[in-house]
Amino acid sequence: VLDLCERDPALDHALLTYVVGTIGHRLRSARTRLL
């Protein structure tokens, strides 16, 4: 997938935008759950 993203910048942008949103959500979930 990383190799494909290197060849396809639009896919790279869409995928990484989604992943960054997922990371943010999971970090908030972890913080809330641990509290």
Full PDB file with SEQRES, HELIX, SHEET, SSBOND, CRYST1, ORIGX, SCALE, CONECT and MASTER records, all heavy atoms in Angstrom:
SEQRES   1 A   35  VAL LEU ASP LEU CYS GLU ARG ASP PRO ALA LEU ASP HIS          
SEQRES   2 A   35  ALA LEU LEU THR TYR VAL VAL GLY THR ILE GLY HIS ARG          
SEQRES   3 A   35  LEU ARG SER ALA ARG THR ARG LEU LEU                          
HELIX    1 AA1 LEU A    2  ARG A    7  1                                   6    
HELIX    2 AA2 PRO A    9  LEU A   34  1                                  26    
CRYST1    1.000    1.000    1.000  90.00  90.00  90.00 P 1           1          
ORIGX1      1.000000  0.000000  0.000000        0.00000                         
ORIGX2      0.000000  1.000000  0.000000        0.00000                         
ORIGX3      0.000000  0.000000  1.000000        0.00000                         
SCALE1      1.000000  0.000000  0.000000        0.00000                         
SCALE2      0.000000  1.000000  0.000000        0.00000                         
SCALE3      0.000000  0.000000  1.000000        0.00000                         
ATOM      1  N   VAL A   1       0.843  -1.207   0.000  1.00  0.00           N  
ATOM      2  CA  VAL A   1       0.000   0.000   0.000  1.00  0.00           C  
ATOM      3  C   VAL A   1       0.872   1.248   0.000  1.00  0.00           C  
ATOM      4  O   VAL A   1       0.585   2.206  -0.734  1.00  0.00           O  
ATOM      5  CB  VAL A   1      -0.989  -0.019   1.187  1.00  0.00           C  
ATOM      6  CG1 VAL A   1      -1.727   1.306   1.294  1.00  0.00           C  
ATOM      7  CG2 VAL A   1      -1.963  -1.180   1.041  1.00  0.00           C  
ATOM      8  N   LEU A   2       1.937   1.259   0.782  1.00  0.00           N  
ATOM      9  CA  LEU A   2       2.849   2.407   0.780  1.00  0.00           C  
ATOM     10  C   LEU A   2       3.464   2.612  -0.604  1.00  0.00           C  
ATOM     11  O   LEU A   2       3.588   3.756  -1.065  1.00  0.00           O  
ATOM     12  CB  LEU A   2       3.937   2.218   1.836  1.00  0.00           C  
ATOM     13  CG  LEU A   2       3.465   2.316   3.291  1.00  0.00           C  
ATOM     14  CD1 LEU A   2       4.557   1.831   4.238  1.00  0.00           C  
ATOM     15  CD2 LEU A   2       3.015   3.724   3.631  1.00  0.00           C  
ATOM     16  N   ASP A   3       3.823   1.524  -1.284  1.00  0.00           N  
ATOM     17  CA  ASP A   3       4.368   1.626  -2.645  1.00  0.00           C  
ATOM     18  C   ASP A   3       3.323   2.190  -3.604  1.00  0.00           C  
ATOM     19  O   ASP A   3       3.637   3.048  -4.439  1.00  0.00           O  
ATOM     20  CB  ASP A   3       4.847   0.261  -3.138  1.00  0.00           C  
ATOM     21  CG  ASP A   3       6.079  -0.254  -2.395  1.00  0.00           C  
ATOM     22  OD1 ASP A   3       6.751   0.537  -1.687  1.00  0.00           O  
ATOM     23  OD2 ASP A   3       6.354  -1.472  -2.500  1.00  0.00           O  
ATOM     24  N   LEU A   4       2.083   1.734  -3.485  1.00  0.00           N  
ATOM     25  CA  LEU A   4       1.007   2.247  -4.324  1.00  0.00           C  
ATOM     26  C   LEU A   4       0.794   3.743  -4.058  1.00  0.00           C  
ATOM     27  O   LEU A   4       0.626   4.533  -4.995  1.00  0.00           O  
ATOM     28  CB  LEU A   4      -0.290   1.468  -4.082  1.00  0.00           C  
ATOM     29  CG  LEU A   4      -1.528   1.957  -4.827  1.00  0.00           C  
ATOM     30  CD1 LEU A   4      -1.327   1.888  -6.339  1.00  0.00           C  
ATOM     31  CD2 LEU A   4      -2.752   1.145  -4.406  1.00  0.00           C  
ATOM     32  N   CYS A   5       0.809   4.120  -2.799  1.00  0.00           N  
ATOM     33  CA  CYS A   5       0.619   5.529  -2.443  1.00  0.00           C  
ATOM     34  C   CYS A   5       1.730   6.411  -3.009  1.00  0.00           C  
ATOM     35  O   CYS A   5       1.479   7.552  -3.397  1.00  0.00           O  
ATOM     36  CB  CYS A   5       0.548   5.685  -0.930  1.00  0.00           C  
ATOM     37  SG  CYS A   5      -1.008   5.109  -0.223  1.00  0.00           S  
ATOM     38  N   GLU A   6       2.932   5.887  -3.077  1.00  0.00           N  
ATOM     39  CA  GLU A   6       4.041   6.639  -3.651  1.00  0.00           C  
ATOM     40  C   GLU A   6       3.782   6.939  -5.127  1.00  0.00           C  
ATOM     41  O   GLU A   6       4.152   8.002  -5.631  1.00  0.00           O  
ATOM     42  CB  GLU A   6       5.339   5.851  -3.486  1.00  0.00           C  
ATOM     43  CG  GLU A   6       6.583   6.660  -3.778  1.00  0.00           C  
ATOM     44  CD  GLU A   6       7.839   5.904  -3.412  1.00  0.00           C  
ATOM     45  OE1 GLU A   6       7.946   5.428  -2.269  1.00  0.00           O  
ATOM     46  OE2 GLU A   6       8.709   5.785  -4.299  1.00  0.00           O  
ATOM     47  N   ARG A   7       3.129   6.017  -5.820  1.00  0.00           N  
ATOM     48  CA  ARG A   7       2.823   6.192  -7.244  1.00  0.00           C  
ATOM     49  C   ARG A   7       1.513   6.946  -7.480  1.00  0.00           C  
ATOM     50  O   ARG A   7       1.252   7.384  -8.600  1.00  0.00           O  
ATOM     51  CB  ARG A   7       2.745   4.827  -7.932  1.00  0.00           C  
ATOM     52  CG  ARG A   7       4.037   4.045  -7.932  1.00  0.00           C  
ATOM     53  CD  ARG A   7       3.944   2.754  -8.750  1.00  0.00           C  
ATOM     54  NE  ARG A   7       2.832   1.880  -8.396  1.00  0.00           N  
ATOM     55  CZ  ARG A   7       2.867   0.915  -7.469  1.00  0.00           C  
ATOM     56  NH1 ARG A   7       3.957   0.708  -6.770  1.00  0.00           N  
ATOM     57  NH2 ARG A   7       1.810   0.165  -7.235  1.00  0.00           N  
ATOM     58  N   ASP A   8       0.668   7.045  -6.449  1.00  0.00           N  
ATOM     59  CA  ASP A   8      -0.663   7.624  -6.597  1.00  0.00           C  
ATOM     60  C   ASP A   8      -0.901   8.661  -5.492  1.00  0.00           C  
ATOM     61  O   ASP A   8      -1.461   8.349  -4.448  1.00  0.00           O  
ATOM     62  CB  ASP A   8      -1.711   6.504  -6.521  1.00  0.00           C  
ATOM     63  CG  ASP A   8      -3.116   6.970  -6.814  1.00  0.00           C  
ATOM     64  OD1 ASP A   8      -3.395   8.189  -6.726  1.00  0.00           O  
ATOM     65  OD2 ASP A   8      -3.964   6.104  -7.117  1.00  0.00           O  
ATOM     66  N   PRO A   9      -0.449   9.912  -5.719  1.00  0.00           N  
ATOM     67  CA  PRO A   9      -0.565  10.936  -4.678  1.00  0.00           C  
ATOM     68  C   PRO A   9      -2.000  11.197  -4.201  1.00  0.00           C  
ATOM     69  O   PRO A   9      -2.211  11.506  -3.031  1.00  0.00           O  
ATOM     70  CB  PRO A   9       0.026  12.186  -5.334  1.00  0.00           C  
ATOM     71  CG  PRO A   9       0.909  11.670  -6.415  1.00  0.00           C  
ATOM     72  CD  PRO A   9       0.262  10.400  -6.900  1.00  0.00           C  
ATOM     73  N   ALA A  10      -2.987  11.060  -5.069  1.00  0.00           N  
ATOM     74  CA  ALA A  10      -4.375  11.290  -4.642  1.00  0.00           C  
ATOM     75  C   ALA A  10      -4.819  10.213  -3.662  1.00  0.00           C  
ATOM     76  O   ALA A  10      -5.484  10.511  -2.658  1.00  0.00           O  
ATOM     77  CB  ALA A  10      -5.303  11.329  -5.854  1.00  0.00           C  
ATOM     78  N   LEU A  11      -4.469   8.975  -3.921  1.00  0.00           N  
ATOM     79  CA  LEU A  11      -4.769   7.897  -2.981  1.00  0.00           C  
ATOM     80  C   LEU A  11      -4.009   8.117  -1.681  1.00  0.00           C  
ATOM     81  O   LEU A  11      -4.566   7.964  -0.590  1.00  0.00           O  
ATOM     82  CB  LEU A  11      -4.416   6.530  -3.573  1.00  0.00           C  
ATOM     83  CG  LEU A  11      -4.528   5.343  -2.605  1.00  0.00           C  
ATOM     84  CD1 LEU A  11      -5.956   5.186  -2.093  1.00  0.00           C  
ATOM     85  CD2 LEU A  11      -4.036   4.060  -3.254  1.00  0.00           C  
ATOM     86  N   ASP A  12      -2.744   8.472  -1.783  1.00  0.00           N  
ATOM     87  CA  ASP A  12      -1.914   8.736  -0.609  1.00  0.00           C  
ATOM     88  C   ASP A  12      -2.583   9.789   0.275  1.00  0.00           C  
ATOM     89  O   ASP A  12      -2.720   9.597   1.487  1.00  0.00           O  
ATOM     90  CB  ASP A  12      -0.529   9.199  -1.054  1.00  0.00           C  
ATOM     91  CG  ASP A  12       0.429   9.409   0.097  1.00  0.00           C  
ATOM     92  OD1 ASP A  12       0.631   8.474   0.889  1.00  0.00           O  
ATOM     93  OD2 ASP A  12       1.004  10.514   0.190  1.00  0.00           O  
ATOM     94  N   HIS A  13      -3.010  10.883  -0.328  1.00  0.00           N  
ATOM     95  CA  HIS A  13      -3.651  11.962   0.438  1.00  0.00           C  
ATOM     96  C   HIS A  13      -4.944  11.483   1.095  1.00  0.00           C  
ATOM     97  O   HIS A  13      -5.168  11.723   2.288  1.00  0.00           O  
ATOM     98  CB  HIS A  13      -3.919  13.166  -0.463  1.00  0.00           C  
ATOM     99  CG  HIS A  13      -4.606  14.275   0.250  1.00  0.00           C  
ATOM    100  ND1 HIS A  13      -3.960  15.107   1.129  1.00  0.00           N  
ATOM    101  CD2 HIS A  13      -5.908  14.660   0.238  1.00  0.00           C  
ATOM    102  CE1 HIS A  13      -4.826  15.970   1.633  1.00  0.00           C  
ATOM    103  NE2 HIS A  13      -6.011  15.729   1.103  1.00  0.00           N  
ATOM    104  N   ALA A  14      -5.793  10.820   0.338  1.00  0.00           N  
ATOM    105  CA  ALA A  14      -7.071  10.356   0.887  1.00  0.00           C  
ATOM    106  C   ALA A  14      -6.857   9.343   2.013  1.00  0.00           C  
ATOM    107  O   ALA A  14      -7.495   9.418   3.069  1.00  0.00           O  
ATOM    108  CB  ALA A  14      -7.926   9.742  -0.225  1.00  0.00           C  
ATOM    109  N   LEU A  15      -5.949   8.404   1.801  1.00  0.00           N  
ATOM    110  CA  LEU A  15      -5.687   7.371   2.799  1.00  0.00           C  
ATOM    111  C   LEU A  15      -5.075   7.972   4.059  1.00  0.00           C  
ATOM    112  O   LEU A  15      -5.526   7.692   5.181  1.00  0.00           O  
ATOM    113  CB  LEU A  15      -4.773   6.298   2.213  1.00  0.00           C  
ATOM    114  CG  LEU A  15      -4.433   5.121   3.113  1.00  0.00           C  
ATOM    115  CD1 LEU A  15      -5.690   4.375   3.546  1.00  0.00           C  
ATOM    116  CD2 LEU A  15      -3.481   4.160   2.399  1.00  0.00           C  
ATOM    117  N   LEU A  16      -4.063   8.819   3.898  1.00  0.00           N  
ATOM    118  CA  LEU A  16      -3.412   9.394   5.072  1.00  0.00           C  
ATOM    119  C   LEU A  16      -4.320  10.368   5.813  1.00  0.00           C  
ATOM    120  O   LEU A  16      -4.259  10.452   7.044  1.00  0.00           O  
ATOM    121  CB  LEU A  16      -2.094  10.047   4.685  1.00  0.00           C  
ATOM    122  CG  LEU A  16      -1.010   9.059   4.250  1.00  0.00           C  
ATOM    123  CD1 LEU A  16       0.283   9.776   3.908  1.00  0.00           C  
ATOM    124  CD2 LEU A  16      -0.774   7.974   5.288  1.00  0.00           C  
ATOM    125  N   THR A  17      -5.180  11.074   5.113  1.00  0.00           N  
ATOM    126  CA  THR A  17      -6.154  11.933   5.787  1.00  0.00           C  
ATOM    127  C   THR A  17      -7.071  11.088   6.663  1.00  0.00           C  
ATOM    128  O   THR A  17      -7.351  11.443   7.816  1.00  0.00           O  
ATOM    129  CB  THR A  17      -6.970  12.737   4.757  1.00  0.00           C  
ATOM    130  OG1 THR A  17      -6.075  13.583   4.029  1.00  0.00           O  
ATOM    131  CG2 THR A  17      -8.048  13.574   5.420  1.00  0.00           C  
ATOM    132  N   TYR A  18      -7.515   9.959   6.147  1.00  0.00           N  
ATOM    133  CA  TYR A  18      -8.370   9.062   6.930  1.00  0.00           C  
ATOM    134  C   TYR A  18      -7.604   8.485   8.124  1.00  0.00           C  
ATOM    135  O   TYR A  18      -8.119   8.446   9.250  1.00  0.00           O  
ATOM    136  CB  TYR A  18      -8.921   7.942   6.052  1.00  0.00           C  
ATOM    137  CG  TYR A  18      -9.904   7.077   6.800  1.00  0.00           C  
ATOM    138  CD1 TYR A  18     -11.231   7.468   6.935  1.00  0.00           C  
ATOM    139  CD2 TYR A  18      -9.493   5.891   7.402  1.00  0.00           C  
ATOM    140  CE1 TYR A  18     -12.128   6.693   7.640  1.00  0.00           C  
ATOM    141  CE2 TYR A  18     -10.397   5.115   8.111  1.00  0.00           C  
ATOM    142  CZ  TYR A  18     -11.708   5.514   8.223  1.00  0.00           C  
ATOM    143  OH  TYR A  18     -12.590   4.745   8.938  1.00  0.00           O  
ATOM    144  N   VAL A  19      -6.372   8.058   7.893  1.00  0.00           N  
ATOM    145  CA  VAL A  19      -5.568   7.466   8.968  1.00  0.00           C  
ATOM    146  C   VAL A  19      -5.305   8.491  10.073  1.00  0.00           C  
ATOM    147  O   VAL A  19      -5.419   8.177  11.259  1.00  0.00           O  
ATOM    148  CB  VAL A  19      -4.246   6.875   8.417  1.00  0.00           C  
ATOM    149  CG1 VAL A  19      -3.295   6.499   9.547  1.00  0.00           C  
ATOM    150  CG2 VAL A  19      -4.539   5.653   7.552  1.00  0.00           C  
ATOM    151  N   VAL A  20      -4.979   9.723   9.717  1.00  0.00           N  
ATOM    152  CA  VAL A  20      -4.736  10.760  10.720  1.00  0.00           C  
ATOM    153  C   VAL A  20      -5.993  11.004  11.559  1.00  0.00           C  
ATOM    154  O   VAL A  20      -5.913  11.141  12.789  1.00  0.00           O  
ATOM    155  CB  VAL A  20      -4.227  12.063  10.065  1.00  0.00           C  
ATOM    156  CG1 VAL A  20      -4.274  13.232  11.018  1.00  0.00           C  
ATOM    157  CG2 VAL A  20      -2.818  11.863   9.539  1.00  0.00           C  
ATOM    158  N   GLY A  21      -7.146  11.020  10.922  1.00  0.00           N  
ATOM    159  CA  GLY A  21      -8.398  11.156  11.674  1.00  0.00           C  
ATOM    160  C   GLY A  21      -8.618   9.994  12.630  1.00  0.00           C  
ATOM    161  O   GLY A  21      -9.072  10.165  13.763  1.00  0.00           O  
ATOM    162  N   THR A  22      -8.269   8.797  12.167  1.00  0.00           N  
ATOM    163  CA  THR A  22      -8.385   7.600  13.008  1.00  0.00           C  
ATOM    164  C   THR A  22      -7.448   7.693  14.202  1.00  0.00           C  
ATOM    165  O   THR A  22      -7.830   7.389  15.337  1.00  0.00           O  
ATOM    166  CB  THR A  22      -8.084   6.332  12.183  1.00  0.00           C  
ATOM    167  OG1 THR A  22      -9.060   6.235  11.141  1.00  0.00           O  
ATOM    168  CG2 THR A  22      -8.124   5.079  13.033  1.00  0.00           C  
ATOM    169  N   ILE A  23      -6.214   8.131  13.970  1.00  0.00           N  
ATOM    170  CA  ILE A  23      -5.242   8.279  15.057  1.00  0.00           C  
ATOM    171  C   ILE A  23      -5.776   9.258  16.108  1.00  0.00           C  
ATOM    172  O   ILE A  23      -5.743   8.974  17.309  1.00  0.00           O  
ATOM    173  CB  ILE A  23      -3.875   8.742  14.519  1.00  0.00           C  
ATOM    174  CG1 ILE A  23      -3.236   7.655  13.667  1.00  0.00           C  
ATOM    175  CG2 ILE A  23      -2.949   9.141  15.669  1.00  0.00           C  
ATOM    176  CD1 ILE A  23      -1.999   8.124  12.885  1.00  0.00           C  
ATOM    177  N   GLY A  24      -6.270  10.392  15.659  1.00  0.00           N  
ATOM    178  CA  GLY A  24      -6.819  11.381  16.590  1.00  0.00           C  
ATOM    179  C   GLY A  24      -7.961  10.814  17.411  1.00  0.00           C  
ATOM    180  O   GLY A  24      -8.021  10.998  18.638  1.00  0.00           O  
ATOM    181  N   HIS A  25      -8.860  10.120  16.749  1.00  0.00           N  
ATOM    182  CA  HIS A  25      -9.996   9.520  17.448  1.00  0.00           C  
ATOM    183  C   HIS A  25      -9.533   8.498  18.482  1.00  0.00           C  
ATOM    184  O   HIS A  25      -9.998   8.474  19.615  1.00  0.00           O  
ATOM    185  CB  HIS A  25     -10.950   8.868  16.453  1.00  0.00           C  
ATOM    186  CG  HIS A  25     -12.043   8.098  17.098  1.00  0.00           C  
ATOM    187  ND1 HIS A  25     -13.161   8.703  17.630  1.00  0.00           N  
ATOM    188  CD2 HIS A  25     -12.172   6.776  17.349  1.00  0.00           C  
ATOM    189  CE1 HIS A  25     -13.935   7.777  18.168  1.00  0.00           C  
ATOM    190  NE2 HIS A  25     -13.350   6.598  18.007  1.00  0.00           N  
ATOM    191  N   ARG A  26      -8.583   7.642  18.094  1.00  0.00           N  
ATOM    192  CA  ARG A  26      -8.100   6.606  19.012  1.00  0.00           C  
ATOM    193  C   ARG A  26      -7.356   7.209  20.198  1.00  0.00           C  
ATOM    194  O   ARG A  26      -7.446   6.713  21.319  1.00  0.00           O  
ATOM    195  CB  ARG A  26      -7.232   5.597  18.262  1.00  0.00           C  
ATOM    196  CG  ARG A  26      -7.983   4.927  17.113  1.00  0.00           C  
ATOM    197  CD  ARG A  26      -8.364   3.499  17.341  1.00  0.00           C  
ATOM    198  NE  ARG A  26      -9.361   3.059  16.381  1.00  0.00           N  
ATOM    199  CZ  ARG A  26      -9.092   2.494  15.206  1.00  0.00           C  
ATOM    200  NH1 ARG A  26      -7.836   2.258  14.859  1.00  0.00           N  
ATOM    201  NH2 ARG A  26     -10.073   2.133  14.397  1.00  0.00           N  
ATOM    202  N   LEU A  27      -6.605   8.279  19.970  1.00  0.00           N  
ATOM    203  CA  LEU A  27      -5.917   8.938  21.082  1.00  0.00           C  
ATOM    204  C   LEU A  27      -6.919   9.535  22.070  1.00  0.00           C  
ATOM    205  O   LEU A  27      -6.744   9.425  23.290  1.00  0.00           O  
ATOM    206  CB  LEU A  27      -4.968  10.018  20.568  1.00  0.00           C  
ATOM    207  CG  LEU A  27      -3.709   9.507  19.876  1.00  0.00           C  
ATOM    208  CD1 LEU A  27      -2.946  10.667  19.242  1.00  0.00           C  
ATOM    209  CD2 LEU A  27      -2.815   8.754  20.853  1.00  0.00           C  
ATOM    210  N   ARG A  28      -7.978  10.151  21.570  1.00  0.00           N  
ATOM    211  CA  ARG A  28      -9.020  10.690  22.460  1.00  0.00           C  
ATOM    212  C   ARG A  28      -9.705   9.566  23.221  1.00  0.00           C  
ATOM    213  O   ARG A  28      -9.963   9.681  24.427  1.00  0.00           O  
ATOM    214  CB  ARG A  28     -10.039  11.499  21.656  1.00  0.00           C  
ATOM    215  CG  ARG A  28      -9.519  12.857  21.217  1.00  0.00           C  
ATOM    216  CD  ARG A  28     -10.603  13.721  20.577  1.00  0.00           C  
ATOM    217  NE  ARG A  28     -11.210  13.111  19.400  1.00  0.00           N  
ATOM    218  CZ  ARG A  28     -10.692  13.158  18.174  1.00  0.00           C  
ATOM    219  NH1 ARG A  28      -9.554  13.782  17.958  1.00  0.00           N  
ATOM    220  NH2 ARG A  28     -11.315  12.600  17.163  1.00  0.00           N  
ATOM    221  N   SER A  29      -9.985   8.453  22.525  1.00  0.00           N  
ATOM    222  CA  SER A  29     -10.608   7.304  23.189  1.00  0.00           C  
ATOM    223  C   SER A  29      -9.712   6.751  24.282  1.00  0.00           C  
ATOM    224  O   SER A  29     -10.183   6.415  25.378  1.00  0.00           O  
ATOM    225  CB  SER A  29     -10.923   6.195  22.178  1.00  0.00           C  
ATOM    226  OG  SER A  29     -11.911   6.611  21.280  1.00  0.00           O  
ATOM    227  N   ALA A  30      -8.411   6.644  24.000  1.00  0.00           N  
ATOM    228  CA  ALA A  30      -7.469   6.115  24.986  1.00  0.00           C  
ATOM    229  C   ALA A  30      -7.410   7.024  26.210  1.00  0.00           C  
ATOM    230  O   ALA A  30      -7.453   6.556  27.348  1.00  0.00           O  
ATOM    231  CB  ALA A  30      -6.082   5.958  24.369  1.00  0.00           C  
ATOM    232  N   ARG A  31      -7.332   8.301  25.973  1.00  0.00           N  
ATOM    233  CA  ARG A  31      -7.267   9.253  27.087  1.00  0.00           C  
ATOM    234  C   ARG A  31      -8.514   9.157  27.956  1.00  0.00           C  
ATOM    235  O   ARG A  31      -8.435   9.051  29.176  1.00  0.00           O  
ATOM    236  CB  ARG A  31      -7.108  10.675  26.554  1.00  0.00           C  
ATOM    237  CG  ARG A  31      -7.062  11.722  27.636  1.00  0.00           C  
ATOM    238  CD  ARG A  31      -6.923  13.133  27.028  1.00  0.00           C  
ATOM    239  NE  ARG A  31      -6.879  14.124  28.054  1.00  0.00           N  
ATOM    240  CZ  ARG A  31      -7.955  14.688  28.594  1.00  0.00           C  
ATOM    241  NH1 ARG A  31      -9.155  14.363  28.189  1.00  0.00           N  
ATOM    242  NH2 ARG A  31      -7.830  15.587  29.541  1.00  0.00           N  
ATOM    243  N   THR A  32      -9.668   9.165  27.323  1.00  0.00           N  
ATOM    244  CA  THR A  32     -10.926   9.099  28.065  1.00  0.00           C  
ATOM    245  C   THR A  32     -11.037   7.795  28.838  1.00  0.00           C  
ATOM    246  O   THR A  32     -11.400   7.790  30.024  1.00  0.00           O  
ATOM    247  CB  THR A  32     -12.117   9.247  27.096  1.00  0.00           C  
ATOM    248  OG1 THR A  32     -12.012  10.513  26.440  1.00  0.00           O  
ATOM    249  CG2 THR A  32     -13.438   9.165  27.832  1.00  0.00           C  
ATOM    250  N   ARG A  33     -10.721   6.692  28.195  1.00  0.00           N  
ATOM    251  CA  ARG A  33     -10.831   5.378  28.854  1.00  0.00           C  
ATOM    252  C   ARG A  33      -9.866   5.259  30.026  1.00  0.00           C  
ATOM    253  O   ARG A  33     -10.226   4.765  31.088  1.00  0.00           O  
ATOM    254  CB  ARG A  33     -10.586   4.268  27.833  1.00  0.00           C  
ATOM    255  CG  ARG A  33     -10.723   2.893  28.397  1.00  0.00           C  
ATOM    256  CD  ARG A  33     -12.169   2.597  28.767  1.00  0.00           C  
ATOM    257  NE  ARG A  33     -12.248   1.210  29.158  1.00  0.00           N  
ATOM    258  CZ  ARG A  33     -12.906   0.768  30.214  1.00  0.00           C  
ATOM    259  NH1 ARG A  33     -13.596   1.603  30.951  1.00  0.00           N  
ATOM    260  NH2 ARG A  33     -12.914  -0.506  30.500  1.00  0.00           N  
ATOM    261  N   LEU A  34      -8.637   5.716  29.848  1.00  0.00           N  
ATOM    262  CA  LEU A  34      -7.663   5.629  30.934  1.00  0.00           C  
ATOM    263  C   LEU A  34      -8.050   6.539  32.103  1.00  0.00           C  
ATOM    264  O   LEU A  34      -7.857   6.179  33.263  1.00  0.00           O  
ATOM    265  CB  LEU A  34      -6.257   5.932  30.433  1.00  0.00           C  
ATOM    266  CG  LEU A  34      -5.692   4.859  29.493  1.00  0.00           C  
ATOM    267  CD1 LEU A  34      -4.362   5.295  28.910  1.00  0.00           C  
ATOM    268  CD2 LEU A  34      -5.571   3.516  30.199  1.00  0.00           C  
ATOM    269  N   LEU A  35      -8.613   7.706  31.823  1.00  0.00           N  
ATOM    270  CA  LEU A  35      -9.117   8.556  32.902  1.00  0.00           C  
ATOM    271  C   LEU A  35     -10.266   7.869  33.634  1.00  0.00           C  
ATOM    272  O   LEU A  35     -10.347   7.913  34.862  1.00  0.00           O  
ATOM    273  CB  LEU A  35      -9.572   9.914  32.369  1.00  0.00           C  
ATOM    274  CG  LEU A  35      -8.467  10.911  32.057  1.00  0.00           C  
ATOM    275  CD1 LEU A  35      -9.052  12.141  31.357  1.00  0.00           C  
ATOM    276  CD2 LEU A  35      -7.725  11.313  33.312  1.00  0.00           C  
TER     277      LEU A  35                                                      
MASTER        0    0    0    2    0    0    0    6  276    1    0    3          
END                                                                             
